[in-house]
Amino acid sequence: MQPHMNKADQTSPGMRPADRTRMEKVLSRFFIKDEISGKKDLEVVYVTSSNITFAAYSHSRNVMRVGFKGGRVYQYYNVPPKAFEVFKRVGSKGRFWYHNGRTRYAFQRIR
């Protein structure tokens, strides 16, 4: 006899119930050449989110840009690669960045 598994058991244990019901996804992912380092290590991801449209991460400089639905773009400095990897996997990208990124890293508004 096989054990019964409900839908909550099939997702990550650290996810909140709201995250389980509305999974935001990475729509596209690609790499481009970083204008400062000259390396093709700038990873860009477009996401389905109610607040965030894209994020770009420079693996050589540890800099992350986040674009928001209203058109504002912020650049965050000294962001570890692990933070970007978690950002791509979490259910709610806006909630994650609000609680774990926006005040943790030095930032500058780009537009």
PDB file of N, CA and C in Angstrom:
ATOM      1  N   MET A   1       0.834  -1.181   0.000  1.00  0.00           N
ATOM      2  CA  MET A   1       0.000   0.000   0.000  1.00  0.00           C
ATOM      3  C   MET A   1       0.878   1.243   0.000  1.00  0.00           C
ATOM      4  N   GLN A   2       0.596   2.171  -0.882  1.00  0.00           N
ATOM      5  CA  GLN A   2       1.392   3.381  -0.978  1.00  0.00           C
ATOM      6  C   GLN A   2       0.899   4.430   0.003  1.00  0.00           C
ATOM      7  N   PRO A   3       1.843   5.191   0.603  1.00  0.00           N
ATOM      8  CA  PRO A   3       1.414   6.250   1.517  1.00  0.00           C
ATOM      9  C   PRO A   3       0.715   7.368   0.755  1.00  0.00           C
ATOM     10  N   HIS A   4      -0.244   7.987   1.413  1.00  0.00           N
ATOM     11  CA  HIS A   4      -0.994   9.087   0.804  1.00  0.00           C
ATOM     12  C   HIS A   4      -0.204  10.379   0.958  1.00  0.00           C
ATOM     13  N   MET A   5      -0.065  11.140  -0.133  1.00  0.00           N
ATOM     14  CA  MET A   5       0.610  12.439  -0.080  1.00  0.00           C
ATOM     15  C   MET A   5      -0.373  13.518  -0.524  1.00  0.00           C
ATOM     16  N   ASN A   6      -0.483  14.566   0.271  1.00  0.00           N
ATOM     17  CA  ASN A   6      -1.318  15.668  -0.174  1.00  0.00           C
ATOM     18  C   ASN A   6      -0.459  16.674  -0.936  1.00  0.00           C
ATOM     19  N   LYS A   7      -1.076  17.681  -1.538  1.00  0.00           N
ATOM     20  CA  LYS A   7      -0.351  18.639  -2.366  1.00  0.00           C
ATOM     21  C   LYS A   7       0.704  19.397  -1.580  1.00  0.00           C
ATOM     22  N   ALA A   8       0.460  19.678  -0.317  1.00  0.00           N
ATOM     23  CA  ALA A   8       1.422  20.429   0.489  1.00  0.00           C
ATOM     24  C   ALA A   8       2.710  19.645   0.681  1.00  0.00           C
ATOM     25  N   ASP A   9       2.646  18.319   0.706  1.00  0.00           N
ATOM     26  CA  ASP A   9       3.837  17.499   0.893  1.00  0.00           C
ATOM     27  C   ASP A   9       4.727  17.496  -0.340  1.00  0.00           C
ATOM     28  N   GLN A  10       4.211  17.886  -1.482  1.00  0.00           N
ATOM     29  CA  GLN A  10       4.959  17.811  -2.721  1.00  0.00           C
ATOM     30  C   GLN A  10       5.754  19.077  -3.010  1.00  0.00           C
ATOM     31  N   THR A  11       5.684  20.081  -2.161  1.00  0.00           N
ATOM     32  CA  THR A  11       6.426  21.317  -2.371  1.00  0.00           C
ATOM     33  C   THR A  11       7.515  21.440  -1.322  1.00  0.00           C
ATOM     34  N   SER A  12       8.296  22.468  -1.415  1.00  0.00           N
ATOM     35  CA  SER A  12       9.377  22.688  -0.463  1.00  0.00           C
ATOM     36  C   SER A  12       8.817  22.914   0.931  1.00  0.00           C
ATOM     37  N   PRO A  13       9.439  22.345   1.949  1.00  0.00           N
ATOM     38  CA  PRO A  13       8.905  22.467   3.304  1.00  0.00           C
ATOM     39  C   PRO A  13       8.928  23.882   3.857  1.00  0.00           C
ATOM     40  N   GLY A  14       9.823  24.746   3.372  1.00  0.00           N
ATOM     41  CA  GLY A  14       9.915  26.092   3.909  1.00  0.00           C
ATOM     42  C   GLY A  14       8.952  27.080   3.282  1.00  0.00           C
ATOM     43  N   MET A  15       8.133  26.632   2.365  1.00  0.00           N
ATOM     44  CA  MET A  15       7.233  27.547   1.673  1.00  0.00           C
ATOM     45  C   MET A  15       5.995  27.825   2.512  1.00  0.00           C
ATOM     46  N   ARG A  16       5.516  29.043   2.435  1.00  0.00           N
ATOM     47  CA  ARG A  16       4.278  29.413   3.115  1.00  0.00           C
ATOM     48  C   ARG A  16       3.095  28.893   2.305  1.00  0.00           C
ATOM     49  N   PRO A  17       1.937  28.692   2.928  1.00  0.00           N
ATOM     50  CA  PRO A  17       0.769  28.218   2.182  1.00  0.00           C
ATOM     51  C   PRO A  17       0.404  29.107   1.004  1.00  0.00           C
ATOM     52  N   ALA A  18       0.550  30.424   1.143  1.00  0.00           N
ATOM     53  CA  ALA A  18       0.224  31.330   0.031  1.00  0.00           C
ATOM     54  C   ALA A  18       1.158  31.088  -1.148  1.00  0.00           C
ATOM     55  N   ASP A  19       2.435  30.758  -0.869  1.00  0.00           N
ATOM     56  CA  ASP A  19       3.395  30.488  -1.934  1.00  0.00           C
ATOM     57  C   ASP A  19       3.063  29.202  -2.671  1.00  0.00           C
ATOM     58  N   ARG A  20       2.493  28.241  -1.971  1.00  0.00           N
ATOM     59  CA  ARG A  20       2.157  26.962  -2.599  1.00  0.00           C
ATOM     60  C   ARG A  20       1.030  27.108  -3.613  1.00  0.00           C
ATOM     61  N   THR A  21       0.128  28.053  -3.365  1.00  0.00           N
ATOM     62  CA  THR A  21      -1.021  28.200  -4.253  1.00  0.00           C
ATOM     63  C   THR A  21      -0.713  29.077  -5.459  1.00  0.00           C
ATOM     64  N   ARG A  22       0.209  30.003  -5.325  1.00  0.00           N
ATOM     65  CA  ARG A  22       0.515  30.912  -6.427  1.00  0.00           C
ATOM     66  C   ARG A  22       2.015  30.903  -6.688  1.00  0.00           C
ATOM     67  N   MET A  23       2.453  29.996  -7.520  1.00  0.00           N
ATOM     68  CA  MET A  23       3.870  29.880  -7.830  1.00  0.00           C
ATOM     69  C   MET A  23       4.227  30.833  -8.964  1.00  0.00           C
ATOM     70  N   GLU A  24       5.086  31.787  -8.680  1.00  0.00           N
ATOM     71  CA  GLU A  24       5.585  32.666  -9.726  1.00  0.00           C
ATOM     72  C   GLU A  24       6.716  31.935 -10.424  1.00  0.00           C
ATOM     73  N   LYS A  25       6.825  32.141 -11.717  1.00  0.00           N
ATOM     74  CA  LYS A  25       7.782  31.392 -12.499  1.00  0.00           C
ATOM     75  C   LYS A  25       8.769  32.307 -13.203  1.00  0.00           C
ATOM     76  N   VAL A  26       9.916  31.726 -13.534  1.00  0.00           N
ATOM     77  CA  VAL A  26      10.879  32.403 -14.389  1.00  0.00           C
ATOM     78  C   VAL A  26      10.405  32.173 -15.817  1.00  0.00           C
ATOM     79  N   LEU A  27      10.089  33.251 -16.528  1.00  0.00           N
ATOM     80  CA  LEU A  27       9.580  33.139 -17.893  1.00  0.00           C
ATOM     81  C   LEU A  27      10.688  32.886 -18.899  1.00  0.00           C
ATOM     82  N   SER A  28      11.800  33.590 -18.753  1.00  0.00           N
ATOM     83  CA  SER A  28      12.937  33.374 -19.646  1.00  0.00           C
ATOM     84  C   SER A  28      14.220  33.682 -18.895  1.00  0.00           C
ATOM     85  N   ARG A  29      15.300  33.068 -19.354  1.00  0.00           N
ATOM     86  CA  ARG A  29      16.592  33.221 -18.708  1.00  0.00           C
ATOM     87  C   ARG A  29      17.657  33.206 -19.795  1.00  0.00           C
ATOM     88  N   PHE A  30      18.578  34.174 -19.753  1.00  0.00           N
ATOM     89  CA  PHE A  30      19.660  34.210 -20.724  1.00  0.00           C
ATOM     90  C   PHE A  30      20.844  34.982 -20.139  1.00  0.00           C
ATOM     91  N   PHE A  31      22.006  34.853 -20.783  1.00  0.00           N
ATOM     92  CA  PHE A  31      23.217  35.527 -20.357  1.00  0.00           C
ATOM     93  C   PHE A  31      23.627  36.541 -21.414  1.00  0.00           C
ATOM     94  N   ILE A  32      24.108  37.690 -20.967  1.00  0.00           N
ATOM     95  CA  ILE A  32      24.644  38.691 -21.877  1.00  0.00           C
ATOM     96  C   ILE A  32      25.990  39.170 -21.343  1.00  0.00           C
ATOM     97  N   LYS A  33      26.707  39.904 -22.152  1.00  0.00           N
ATOM     98  CA  LYS A  33      28.022  40.405 -21.785  1.00  0.00           C
ATOM     99  C   LYS A  33      27.877  41.589 -20.829  1.00  0.00           C
ATOM    100  N   ASP A  34      28.564  41.516 -19.691  1.00  0.00           N
ATOM    101  CA  ASP A  34      28.569  42.595 -18.713  1.00  0.00           C
ATOM    102  C   ASP A  34      29.430  43.733 -19.261  1.00  0.00           C
ATOM    103  N   GLU A  35      28.883  44.959 -19.271  1.00  0.00           N
ATOM    104  CA  GLU A  35      29.610  46.078 -19.875  1.00  0.00           C
ATOM    105  C   GLU A  35      30.851  46.479 -19.100  1.00  0.00           C
ATOM    106  N   ILE A  36      30.918  46.184 -17.809  1.00  0.00           N
ATOM    107  CA  ILE A  36      32.084  46.571 -17.004  1.00  0.00           C
ATOM    108  C   ILE A  36      33.134  45.467 -16.982  1.00  0.00           C
ATOM    109  N   SER A  37      32.730  44.237 -16.676  1.00  0.00           N
ATOM    110  CA  SER A  37      33.708  43.151 -16.590  1.00  0.00           C
ATOM    111  C   SER A  37      34.114  42.625 -17.970  1.00  0.00           C
ATOM    112  N   GLY A  38      33.262  42.812 -18.971  1.00  0.00           N
ATOM    113  CA  GLY A  38      33.554  42.307 -20.306  1.00  0.00           C
ATOM    114  C   GLY A  38      33.295  40.820 -20.469  1.00  0.00           C
ATOM    115  N   LYS A  39      32.805  40.166 -19.433  1.00  0.00           N
ATOM    116  CA  LYS A  39      32.529  38.729 -19.470  1.00  0.00           C
ATOM    117  C   LYS A  39      31.050  38.491 -19.761  1.00  0.00           C
ATOM    118  N   LYS A  40      30.774  37.351 -20.356  1.00  0.00           N
ATOM    119  CA  LYS A  40      29.378  36.985 -20.628  1.00  0.00           C
ATOM    120  C   LYS A  40      28.822  36.269 -19.391  1.00  0.00           C
ATOM    121  N   ASP A  41      28.653  37.022 -18.330  1.00  0.00           N
ATOM    122  CA  ASP A  41      28.219  36.433 -17.062  1.00  0.00           C
ATOM    123  C   ASP A  41      27.038  37.165 -16.442  1.00  0.00           C
ATOM    124  N   LEU A  42      26.405  38.031 -17.196  1.00  0.00           N
ATOM    125  CA  LEU A  42      25.246  38.769 -16.689  1.00  0.00           C
ATOM    126  C   LEU A  42      24.000  37.940 -16.987  1.00  0.00           C
ATOM    127  N   GLU A  43      23.432  37.332 -15.960  1.00  0.00           N
ATOM    128  CA  GLU A  43      22.253  36.470 -16.105  1.00  0.00           C
ATOM    129  C   GLU A  43      20.998  37.318 -15.929  1.00  0.00           C
ATOM    130  N   VAL A  44      20.103  37.247 -16.886  1.00  0.00           N
ATOM    131  CA  VAL A  44      18.865  38.016 -16.856  1.00  0.00           C
ATOM    132  C   VAL A  44      17.697  37.040 -16.813  1.00  0.00           C
ATOM    133  N   VAL A  45      16.763  37.275 -15.889  1.00  0.00           N
ATOM    134  CA  VAL A  45      15.560  36.449 -15.807  1.00  0.00           C
ATOM    135  C   VAL A  45      14.337  37.354 -15.795  1.00  0.00           C
ATOM    136  N   TYR A  46      13.369  37.028 -16.622  1.00  0.00           N
ATOM    137  CA  TYR A  46      12.058  37.682 -16.602  1.00  0.00           C
ATOM    138  C   TYR A  46      11.117  36.762 -15.846  1.00  0.00           C
ATOM    139  N   VAL A  47      10.309  37.336 -14.963  1.00  0.00           N
ATOM    140  CA  VAL A  47       9.486  36.524 -14.065  1.00  0.00           C
ATOM    141  C   VAL A  47       8.020  36.921 -14.136  1.00  0.00           C
ATOM    142  N   THR A  48       7.162  35.991 -13.717  1.00  0.00           N
ATOM    143  CA  THR A  48       5.746  36.313 -13.520  1.00  0.00           C
ATOM    144  C   THR A  48       5.603  36.710 -12.058  1.00  0.00           C
ATOM    145  N   SER A  49       5.320  37.946 -11.817  1.00  0.00           N
ATOM    146  CA  SER A  49       5.203  38.457 -10.460  1.00  0.00           C
ATOM    147  C   SER A  49       4.252  39.638 -10.495  1.00  0.00           C
ATOM    148  N   SER A  50       3.594  39.886  -9.384  1.00  0.00           N
ATOM    149  CA  SER A  50       2.689  41.025  -9.342  1.00  0.00           C
ATOM    150  C   SER A  50       3.442  42.337  -9.176  1.00  0.00           C
ATOM    151  N   ASN A  51       4.724  42.288  -8.823  1.00  0.00           N
ATOM    152  CA  ASN A  51       5.472  43.506  -8.560  1.00  0.00           C
ATOM    153  C   ASN A  51       6.796  43.597  -9.323  1.00  0.00           C
ATOM    154  N   ILE A  52       7.444  42.486  -9.604  1.00  0.00           N
ATOM    155  CA  ILE A  52       8.760  42.478 -10.239  1.00  0.00           C
ATOM    156  C   ILE A  52       8.634  41.967 -11.673  1.00  0.00           C
ATOM    157  N   THR A  53       9.320  42.639 -12.603  1.00  0.00           N
ATOM    158  CA  THR A  53       9.295  42.196 -14.001  1.00  0.00           C
ATOM    159  C   THR A  53      10.544  41.410 -14.371  1.00  0.00           C
ATOM    160  N   PHE A  54      11.720  41.839 -13.875  1.00  0.00           N
ATOM    161  CA  PHE A  54      12.955  41.139 -14.218  1.00  0.00           C
ATOM    162  C   PHE A  54      13.991  41.314 -13.120  1.00  0.00           C
ATOM    163  N   ALA A  55      15.006  40.474 -13.176  1.00  0.00           N
ATOM    164  CA  ALA A  55      16.187  40.612 -12.331  1.00  0.00           C
ATOM    165  C   ALA A  55      17.388  40.238 -13.182  1.00  0.00           C
ATOM    166  N   ALA A  56      18.466  40.955 -13.006  1.00  0.00           N
ATOM    167  CA  ALA A  56      19.709  40.673 -13.720  1.00  0.00           C
ATOM    168  C   ALA A  56      20.818  40.591 -12.686  1.00  0.00           C
ATOM    169  N   TYR A  57      21.680  39.576 -12.816  1.00  0.00           N
ATOM    170  CA  TYR A  57      22.736  39.362 -11.825  1.00  0.00           C
ATOM    171  C   TYR A  57      24.078  39.192 -12.511  1.00  0.00           C
ATOM    172  N   SER A  58      25.054  40.002 -12.106  1.00  0.00           N
ATOM    173  CA  SER A  58      26.419  39.884 -12.603  1.00  0.00           C
ATOM    174  C   SER A  58      27.184  38.967 -11.657  1.00  0.00           C
ATOM    175  N   HIS A  59      27.533  37.784 -12.145  1.00  0.00           N
ATOM    176  CA  HIS A  59      28.225  36.797 -11.311  1.00  0.00           C
ATOM    177  C   HIS A  59      29.649  37.232 -10.978  1.00  0.00           C
ATOM    178  N   SER A  60      30.287  38.028 -11.826  1.00  0.00           N
ATOM    179  CA  SER A  60      31.662  38.460 -11.551  1.00  0.00           C
ATOM    180  C   SER A  60      31.716  39.647 -10.592  1.00  0.00           C
ATOM    181  N   ARG A  61      30.668  40.477 -10.579  1.00  0.00           N
ATOM    182  CA  ARG A  61      30.669  41.675  -9.728  1.00  0.00           C
ATOM    183  C   ARG A  61      29.726  41.574  -8.530  1.00  0.00           C
ATOM    184  N   ASN A  62      28.893  40.524  -8.460  1.00  0.00           N
ATOM    185  CA  ASN A  62      27.914  40.357  -7.377  1.00  0.00           C
ATOM    186  C   ASN A  62      26.970  41.560  -7.278  1.00  0.00           C
ATOM    187  N   VAL A  63      26.496  41.998  -8.434  1.00  0.00           N
ATOM    188  CA  VAL A  63      25.564  43.124  -8.518  1.00  0.00           C
ATOM    189  C   VAL A  63      24.262  42.602  -9.116  1.00  0.00           C
ATOM    190  N   MET A  64      23.149  43.000  -8.513  1.00  0.00           N
ATOM    191  CA  MET A  64      21.832  42.552  -8.980  1.00  0.00           C
ATOM    192  C   MET A  64      20.964  43.759  -9.281  1.00  0.00           C
ATOM    193  N   ARG A  65      20.346  43.760 -10.449  1.00  0.00           N
ATOM    194  CA  ARG A  65      19.364  44.788 -10.811  1.00  0.00           C
ATOM    195  C   ARG A  65      17.987  44.159 -10.750  1.00  0.00           C
ATOM    196  N   VAL A  66      17.049  44.904 -10.195  1.00  0.00           N
ATOM    197  CA  VAL A  66      15.671  44.438 -10.099  1.00  0.00           C
ATOM    198  C   VAL A  66      14.773  45.489 -10.734  1.00  0.00           C
ATOM    199  N   GLY A  67      13.955  45.058 -11.695  1.00  0.00           N
ATOM    200  CA  GLY A  67      13.010  45.941 -12.354  1.00  0.00           C
ATOM    201  C   GLY A  67      11.607  45.703 -11.826  1.00  0.00           C
ATOM    202  N   PHE A  68      10.923  46.768 -11.485  1.00  0.00           N
ATOM    203  CA  PHE A  68       9.583  46.679 -10.917  1.00  0.00           C
ATOM    204  C   PHE A  68       8.533  47.096 -11.935  1.00  0.00           C
ATOM    205  N   LYS A  69       7.297  46.679 -11.711  1.00  0.00           N
ATOM    206  CA  LYS A  69       6.195  46.926 -12.645  1.00  0.00           C
ATOM    207  C   LYS A  69       5.965  48.404 -12.926  1.00  0.00           C
ATOM    208  N   GLY A  70       6.194  49.279 -11.980  1.00  0.00           N
ATOM    209  CA  GLY A  70       5.994  50.705 -12.193  1.00  0.00           C
ATOM    210  C   GLY A  70       7.065  51.355 -13.057  1.00  0.00           C
ATOM    211  N   GLY A  71       8.096  50.597 -13.441  1.00  0.00           N
ATOM    212  CA  GLY A  71       9.157  51.127 -14.278  1.00  0.00           C
ATOM    213  C   GLY A  71      10.445  51.452 -13.536  1.00  0.00           C
ATOM    214  N   ARG A  72      10.425  51.410 -12.232  1.00  0.00           N
ATOM    215  CA  ARG A  72      11.634  51.696 -11.466  1.00  0.00           C
ATOM    216  C   ARG A  72      12.595  50.516 -11.533  1.00  0.00           C
ATOM    217  N   VAL A  73      13.879  50.839 -11.581  1.00  0.00           N
ATOM    218  CA  VAL A  73      14.925  49.819 -11.601  1.00  0.00           C
ATOM    219  C   VAL A  73      15.944  50.193 -10.531  1.00  0.00           C
ATOM    220  N   TYR A  74      16.285  49.232  -9.678  1.00  0.00           N
ATOM    221  CA  TYR A  74      17.259  49.430  -8.617  1.00  0.00           C
ATOM    222  C   TYR A  74      18.431  48.485  -8.829  1.00  0.00           C
ATOM    223  N   GLN A  75      19.623  48.952  -8.465  1.00  0.00           N
ATOM    224  CA  GLN A  75      20.821  48.127  -8.535  1.00  0.00           C
ATOM    225  C   GLN A  75      21.309  47.905  -7.111  1.00  0.00           C
ATOM    226  N   TYR A  76      21.522  46.630  -6.753  1.00  0.00           N
ATOM    227  CA  TYR A  76      21.948  46.249  -5.412  1.00  0.00           C
ATOM    228  C   TYR A  76      23.369  45.701  -5.485  1.00  0.00           C
ATOM    229  N   TYR A  77      24.204  46.083  -4.508  1.00  0.00           N
ATOM    230  CA  TYR A  77      25.619  45.741  -4.525  1.00  0.00           C
ATOM    231  C   TYR A  77      25.961  44.682  -3.473  1.00  0.00           C
ATOM    232  N   ASN A  78      26.996  43.894  -3.768  1.00  0.00           N
ATOM    233  CA  ASN A  78      27.499  42.836  -2.870  1.00  0.00           C
ATOM    234  C   ASN A  78      26.435  41.798  -2.547  1.00  0.00           C
ATOM    235  N   VAL A  79      25.649  41.430  -3.531  1.00  0.00           N
ATOM    236  CA  VAL A  79      24.621  40.410  -3.373  1.00  0.00           C
ATOM    237  C   VAL A  79      25.288  39.048  -3.635  1.00  0.00           C
ATOM    238  N   PRO A  80      25.258  38.130  -2.672  1.00  0.00           N
ATOM    239  CA  PRO A  80      25.893  36.831  -2.896  1.00  0.00           C
ATOM    240  C   PRO A  80      25.128  36.008  -3.932  1.00  0.00           C
ATOM    241  N   PRO A  81      25.834  35.138  -4.661  1.00  0.00           N
ATOM    242  CA  PRO A  81      25.176  34.316  -5.685  1.00  0.00           C
ATOM    243  C   PRO A  81      24.017  33.485  -5.123  1.00  0.00           C
ATOM    244  N   LYS A  82      24.135  33.046  -3.890  1.00  0.00           N
ATOM    245  CA  LYS A  82      23.085  32.230  -3.266  1.00  0.00           C
ATOM    246  C   LYS A  82      21.762  33.003  -3.192  1.00  0.00           C
ATOM    247  N   ALA A  83      21.825  34.301  -2.921  1.00  0.00           N
ATOM    248  CA  ALA A  83      20.599  35.111  -2.836  1.00  0.00           C
ATOM    249  C   ALA A  83      19.886  35.139  -4.185  1.00  0.00           C
ATOM    250  N   PHE A  84      20.639  35.242  -5.283  1.00  0.00           N
ATOM    251  CA  PHE A  84      20.030  35.249  -6.607  1.00  0.00           C
ATOM    252  C   PHE A  84      19.440  33.881  -6.943  1.00  0.00           C
ATOM    253  N   GLU A  85      20.128  32.815  -6.563  1.00  0.00           N
ATOM    254  CA  GLU A  85      19.621  31.463  -6.812  1.00  0.00           C
ATOM    255  C   GLU A  85      18.313  31.228  -6.054  1.00  0.00           C
ATOM    256  N   VAL A  86      18.250  31.669  -4.814  1.00  0.00           N
ATOM    257  CA  VAL A  86      17.023  31.523  -4.023  1.00  0.00           C
ATOM    258  C   VAL A  86      15.913  32.374  -4.633  1.00  0.00           C
ATOM    259  N   PHE A  87      16.244  33.589  -5.062  1.00  0.00           N
ATOM    260  CA  PHE A  87      15.261  34.470  -5.694  1.00  0.00           C
ATOM    261  C   PHE A  87      14.585  33.771  -6.874  1.00  0.00           C
ATOM    262  N   LYS A  88      15.352  33.060  -7.689  1.00  0.00           N
ATOM    263  CA  LYS A  88      14.792  32.390  -8.866  1.00  0.00           C
ATOM    264  C   LYS A  88      13.866  31.239  -8.484  1.00  0.00           C
ATOM    265  N   ARG A  89      14.056  30.634  -7.303  1.00  0.00           N
ATOM    266  CA  ARG A  89      13.284  29.458  -6.917  1.00  0.00           C
ATOM    267  C   ARG A  89      12.063  29.733  -6.051  1.00  0.00           C
ATOM    268  N   VAL A  90      12.035  30.867  -5.347  1.00  0.00           N
ATOM    269  CA  VAL A  90      10.949  31.107  -4.389  1.00  0.00           C
ATOM    270  C   VAL A  90       9.608  31.297  -5.085  1.00  0.00           C
ATOM    271  N   GLY A  91       8.547  31.073  -4.337  1.00  0.00           N
ATOM    272  CA  GLY A  91       7.205  31.214  -4.877  1.00  0.00           C
ATOM    273  C   GLY A  91       6.822  32.653  -5.152  1.00  0.00           C
ATOM    274  N   SER A  92       7.075  33.548  -4.206  1.00  0.00           N
ATOM    275  CA  SER A  92       6.743  34.960  -4.381  1.00  0.00           C
ATOM    276  C   SER A  92       8.033  35.770  -4.412  1.00  0.00           C
ATOM    277  N   LYS A  93       8.402  36.205  -5.592  1.00  0.00           N
ATOM    278  CA  LYS A  93       9.655  36.940  -5.754  1.00  0.00           C
ATOM    279  C   LYS A  93       9.601  38.309  -5.081  1.00  0.00           C
ATOM    280  N   GLY A  94       8.468  39.006  -5.199  1.00  0.00           N
ATOM    281  CA  GLY A  94       8.318  40.307  -4.570  1.00  0.00           C
ATOM    282  C   GLY A  94       8.400  40.225  -3.059  1.00  0.00           C
ATOM    283  N   ARG A  95       7.725  39.261  -2.469  1.00  0.00           N
ATOM    284  CA  ARG A  95       7.749  39.092  -1.016  1.00  0.00           C
ATOM    285  C   ARG A  95       9.158  38.742  -0.555  1.00  0.00           C
ATOM    286  N   PHE A  96       9.815  37.833  -1.276  1.00  0.00           N
ATOM    287  CA  PHE A  96      11.176  37.451  -0.909  1.00  0.00           C
ATOM    288  C   PHE A  96      12.101  38.659  -0.938  1.00  0.00           C
ATOM    289  N   TRP A  97      12.054  39.436  -2.029  1.00  0.00           N
ATOM    290  CA  TRP A  97      12.970  40.569  -2.135  1.00  0.00           C
ATOM    291  C   TRP A  97      12.636  41.655  -1.123  1.00  0.00           C
ATOM    292  N   TYR A  98      11.366  41.849  -0.831  1.00  0.00           N
ATOM    293  CA  TYR A  98      10.956  42.848   0.152  1.00  0.00           C
ATOM    294  C   TYR A  98      11.536  42.517   1.529  1.00  0.00           C
ATOM    295  N   HIS A  99      11.482  41.245   1.919  1.00  0.00           N
ATOM    296  CA  HIS A  99      11.936  40.845   3.251  1.00  0.00           C
ATOM    297  C   HIS A  99      13.419  40.503   3.315  1.00  0.00           C
ATOM    298  N   ASN A 100      14.037  40.101   2.208  1.00  0.00           N
ATOM    299  CA  ASN A 100      15.395  39.591   2.266  1.00  0.00           C
ATOM    300  C   ASN A 100      16.416  40.352   1.441  1.00  0.00           C
ATOM    301  N   GLY A 101      16.019  41.332   0.667  1.00  0.00           N
ATOM    302  CA  GLY A 101      16.987  41.971  -0.199  1.00  0.00           C
ATOM    303  C   GLY A 101      17.033  43.475  -0.168  1.00  0.00           C
ATOM    304  N   ARG A 102      15.891  44.102  -0.145  1.00  0.00           N
ATOM    305  CA  ARG A 102      15.851  45.540  -0.384  1.00  0.00           C
ATOM    306  C   ARG A 102      16.588  46.359   0.672  1.00  0.00           C
ATOM    307  N   THR A 103      16.627  45.939   1.913  1.00  0.00           N
ATOM    308  CA  THR A 103      17.337  46.697   2.943  1.00  0.00           C
ATOM    309  C   THR A 103      18.639  46.037   3.367  1.00  0.00           C
ATOM    310  N   ARG A 104      18.904  44.851   2.894  1.00  0.00           N
ATOM    311  CA  ARG A 104      20.105  44.114   3.295  1.00  0.00           C
ATOM    312  C   ARG A 104      21.342  44.565   2.521  1.00  0.00           C
ATOM    313  N   TYR A 105      21.157  45.035   1.303  1.00  0.00           N
ATOM    314  CA  TYR A 105      22.282  45.378   0.438  1.00  0.00           C
ATOM    315  C   TYR A 105      22.240  46.860   0.080  1.00  0.00           C
ATOM    316  N   ALA A 106      23.424  47.430  -0.101  1.00  0.00           N
ATOM    317  CA  ALA A 106      23.504  48.818  -0.559  1.00  0.00           C
ATOM    318  C   ALA A 106      22.878  48.876  -1.955  1.00  0.00           C
ATOM    319  N   PHE A 107      22.162  49.966  -2.240  1.00  0.00           N
ATOM    320  CA  PHE A 107      21.468  50.029  -3.526  1.00  0.00           C
ATOM    321  C   PHE A 107      21.491  51.440  -4.084  1.00  0.00           C
ATOM    322  N   GLN A 108      21.143  51.516  -5.365  1.00  0.00           N
ATOM    323  CA  GLN A 108      21.044  52.785  -6.070  1.00  0.00           C
ATOM    324  C   GLN A 108      19.880  52.675  -7.052  1.00  0.00           C
ATOM    325  N   ARG A 109      19.071  53.714  -7.111  1.00  0.00           N
ATOM    326  CA  ARG A 109      17.983  53.720  -8.095  1.00  0.00           C
ATOM    327  C   ARG A 109      18.568  54.102  -9.461  1.00  0.00           C
ATOM    328  N   ILE A 110      18.315  53.265 -10.466  1.00  0.00           N
ATOM    329  CA  ILE A 110      18.834  53.489 -11.808  1.00  0.00           C
ATOM    330  C   ILE A 110      17.849  54.326 -12.621  1.00  0.00           C
ATOM    331  N   ARG A 111      16.563  54.008 -12.515  1.00  0.00           N
ATOM    332  CA  ARG A 111      15.528  54.813 -13.172  1.00  0.00           C
ATOM    333  C   ARG A 111      14.217  54.662 -12.451  1.00  0.00           C
TER     334      ARG A 111
END
